[in-house]
Structure formats: structure tokens, C-alpha cells
């Protein structure tokens, strides 16, 4: 099977999107465009939220 590698938005590490601990954050930029942010772990996701002052 082919591995689909994505880059973590926080740390920049490449990881397979089929990994167990990965997180995908989806949001609509406008009515037609969906954007996705990929994170390799829960800690990277929380760090990203803290740096962007969401939490």
C-alpha cells in the first residue's frame, strides 16, 4: 500500500496520515474551499492552539 505522507503544521515532521495519533483540523476558508491542517500528535495540536492563542 502507498503511504500518504503529510507534514505536521506545528513541528514540520512528515508522517503517514493512517497513523493512530494523527489529528486533522478542517475549516472552511469560504463557501467553496475547505482547508485541512494536519498534526502528528495531540501535543503538537495543543501547542499549535496555544501559539495561535485559541486556548
N, C-alpha and C. Protein backbone atom coordinates (compact mmCIF):
# COMPACT_ATOMS: atom_id res chain seq x y z
N UNK A 1 0.83 -1.19 0.00
CA UNK A 1 0.00 0.00 0.00
C UNK A 1 0.88 1.26 0.00
N UNK A 2 0.41 2.27 -0.67
CA UNK A 2 1.13 3.54 -0.68
C UNK A 2 0.89 4.29 0.61
N UNK A 3 1.95 4.89 1.11
CA UNK A 3 1.81 5.74 2.29
C UNK A 3 1.57 7.16 1.83
N UNK A 4 0.59 7.81 2.44
CA UNK A 4 0.34 9.21 2.15
C UNK A 4 1.00 10.03 3.25
N UNK A 5 2.10 10.68 2.91
CA UNK A 5 2.83 11.46 3.89
C UNK A 5 2.34 12.90 3.90
N UNK A 6 2.09 13.40 5.09
CA UNK A 6 1.70 14.79 5.29
C UNK A 6 2.69 15.42 6.24
N UNK A 7 2.75 16.74 6.21
CA UNK A 7 3.68 17.46 7.08
C UNK A 7 2.89 18.08 8.23
N UNK A 8 3.40 17.91 9.44
CA UNK A 8 2.77 18.47 10.63
C UNK A 8 2.85 20.00 10.57
N UNK A 9 1.73 20.67 10.83
CA UNK A 9 1.68 22.13 10.78
C UNK A 9 2.50 22.77 11.89
N UNK A 10 2.69 22.05 12.99
CA UNK A 10 3.40 22.63 14.12
C UNK A 10 4.90 22.36 14.07
N UNK A 11 5.30 21.09 13.99
CA UNK A 11 6.73 20.76 14.08
C UNK A 11 7.38 20.50 12.72
N UNK A 12 6.59 20.28 11.67
CA UNK A 12 7.15 20.07 10.35
C UNK A 12 7.54 18.64 10.04
N UNK A 13 7.32 17.72 10.98
CA UNK A 13 7.68 16.32 10.77
C UNK A 13 6.72 15.68 9.77
N UNK A 14 7.25 14.87 8.87
CA UNK A 14 6.40 14.14 7.93
C UNK A 14 5.93 12.85 8.58
N UNK A 15 4.65 12.52 8.37
CA UNK A 15 4.07 11.32 8.96
C UNK A 15 3.01 10.76 8.03
N UNK A 16 2.71 9.48 8.21
CA UNK A 16 1.67 8.81 7.43
C UNK A 16 0.31 9.19 8.00
N UNK A 17 -0.64 9.57 7.15
CA UNK A 17 -1.94 10.00 7.65
C UNK A 17 -2.75 8.85 8.22
N UNK A 18 -2.32 7.62 8.03
CA UNK A 18 -3.00 6.46 8.60
C UNK A 18 -2.54 6.16 10.03
N UNK A 19 -1.55 6.92 10.54
CA UNK A 19 -1.07 6.70 11.91
C UNK A 19 -2.19 6.92 12.91
N UNK A 20 -2.05 6.28 14.05
CA UNK A 20 -3.13 6.29 15.03
C UNK A 20 -3.31 7.64 15.72
N UNK A 21 -2.25 8.35 16.04
CA UNK A 21 -2.34 9.56 16.85
C UNK A 21 -2.49 10.85 16.06
N UNK A 22 -2.66 10.77 14.77
CA UNK A 22 -2.71 11.98 13.97
C UNK A 22 -4.03 12.72 14.17
N UNK A 23 -4.00 14.04 13.98
CA UNK A 23 -5.19 14.89 14.11
C UNK A 23 -5.32 15.73 12.85
N UNK A 24 -6.54 15.82 12.33
CA UNK A 24 -6.81 16.65 11.16
C UNK A 24 -7.83 17.71 11.56
N UNK A 25 -7.47 18.97 11.36
CA UNK A 25 -8.37 20.08 11.65
C UNK A 25 -8.86 20.63 10.32
N UNK A 26 -10.18 20.59 10.12
CA UNK A 26 -10.76 21.06 8.86
C UNK A 26 -11.53 22.34 9.11
N UNK A 27 -11.42 23.26 8.18
CA UNK A 27 -12.16 24.51 8.29
C UNK A 27 -12.45 25.09 6.92
N UNK A 28 -13.57 25.76 6.81
CA UNK A 28 -13.95 26.38 5.53
C UNK A 28 -13.34 27.76 5.43
N UNK A 29 -12.52 28.00 4.39
CA UNK A 29 -11.98 29.33 4.14
C UNK A 29 -13.06 30.25 3.59
N UNK A 30 -13.86 29.71 2.70
CA UNK A 30 -15.03 30.41 2.17
C UNK A 30 -16.04 29.35 1.77
N UNK A 31 -17.06 29.71 1.03
CA UNK A 31 -18.14 28.77 0.71
C UNK A 31 -17.68 27.57 -0.12
N UNK A 32 -16.62 27.73 -0.89
CA UNK A 32 -16.21 26.66 -1.81
C UNK A 32 -14.91 25.96 -1.43
N UNK A 33 -14.11 26.53 -0.53
CA UNK A 33 -12.78 25.99 -0.26
C UNK A 33 -12.65 25.49 1.18
N UNK A 34 -12.33 24.21 1.28
CA UNK A 34 -12.09 23.57 2.57
C UNK A 34 -10.58 23.46 2.77
N UNK A 35 -10.09 23.85 3.92
CA UNK A 35 -8.66 23.70 4.19
C UNK A 35 -8.47 22.73 5.34
N UNK A 36 -7.38 21.98 5.28
CA UNK A 36 -7.07 20.99 6.30
C UNK A 36 -5.69 21.25 6.87
N UNK A 37 -5.58 21.17 8.18
CA UNK A 37 -4.30 21.26 8.87
C UNK A 37 -4.05 19.90 9.51
N UNK A 38 -2.85 19.36 9.30
CA UNK A 38 -2.51 18.03 9.80
C UNK A 38 -1.52 18.16 10.96
N UNK A 39 -1.73 17.34 11.99
CA UNK A 39 -0.86 17.33 13.16
C UNK A 39 -0.46 15.90 13.46
N UNK A 40 0.81 15.70 13.83
CA UNK A 40 1.33 14.34 14.04
C UNK A 40 0.96 13.78 15.40
N UNK A 41 0.63 14.63 16.37
CA UNK A 41 0.28 14.14 17.70
C UNK A 41 -0.61 15.14 18.41
N UNK A 42 -1.15 14.71 19.52
CA UNK A 42 -2.02 15.57 20.32
C UNK A 42 -1.22 16.74 20.91
N UNK A 43 0.02 16.49 21.31
CA UNK A 43 0.83 17.56 21.91
C UNK A 43 1.15 18.65 20.88
N UNK A 44 1.40 18.27 19.64
CA UNK A 44 1.64 19.27 18.58
C UNK A 44 0.38 20.09 18.33
N UNK A 45 -0.77 19.46 18.37
CA UNK A 45 -2.04 20.15 18.17
C UNK A 45 -2.28 21.17 19.28
N UNK A 46 -2.06 20.77 20.53
CA UNK A 46 -2.26 21.67 21.67
C UNK A 46 -1.26 22.83 21.61
N UNK A 47 -0.02 22.55 21.26
CA UNK A 47 0.99 23.61 21.14
C UNK A 47 0.60 24.60 20.06
N UNK A 48 0.09 24.11 18.93
CA UNK A 48 -0.37 24.98 17.85
C UNK A 48 -1.49 25.89 18.32
N UNK A 49 -2.46 25.33 19.03
CA UNK A 49 -3.58 26.13 19.54
C UNK A 49 -3.11 27.19 20.53
N UNK A 50 -2.14 26.85 21.36
CA UNK A 50 -1.63 27.82 22.34
C UNK A 50 -0.85 28.94 21.66
N UNK A 51 -0.07 28.62 20.64
CA UNK A 51 0.70 29.66 19.96
C UNK A 51 -0.19 30.58 19.15
N UNK A 52 -1.31 30.06 18.64
CA UNK A 52 -2.25 30.89 17.89
C UNK A 52 -3.28 31.55 18.81
N UNK A 53 -3.14 31.33 20.12
CA UNK A 53 -4.00 31.92 21.16
C UNK A 53 -5.47 31.52 21.03
N UNK A 54 -5.72 30.27 20.62
CA UNK A 54 -7.08 29.74 20.63
C UNK A 54 -7.45 29.25 22.03
N UNK A 55 -6.42 28.81 22.79
CA UNK A 55 -6.65 28.28 24.14
C UNK A 55 -5.93 29.16 25.13
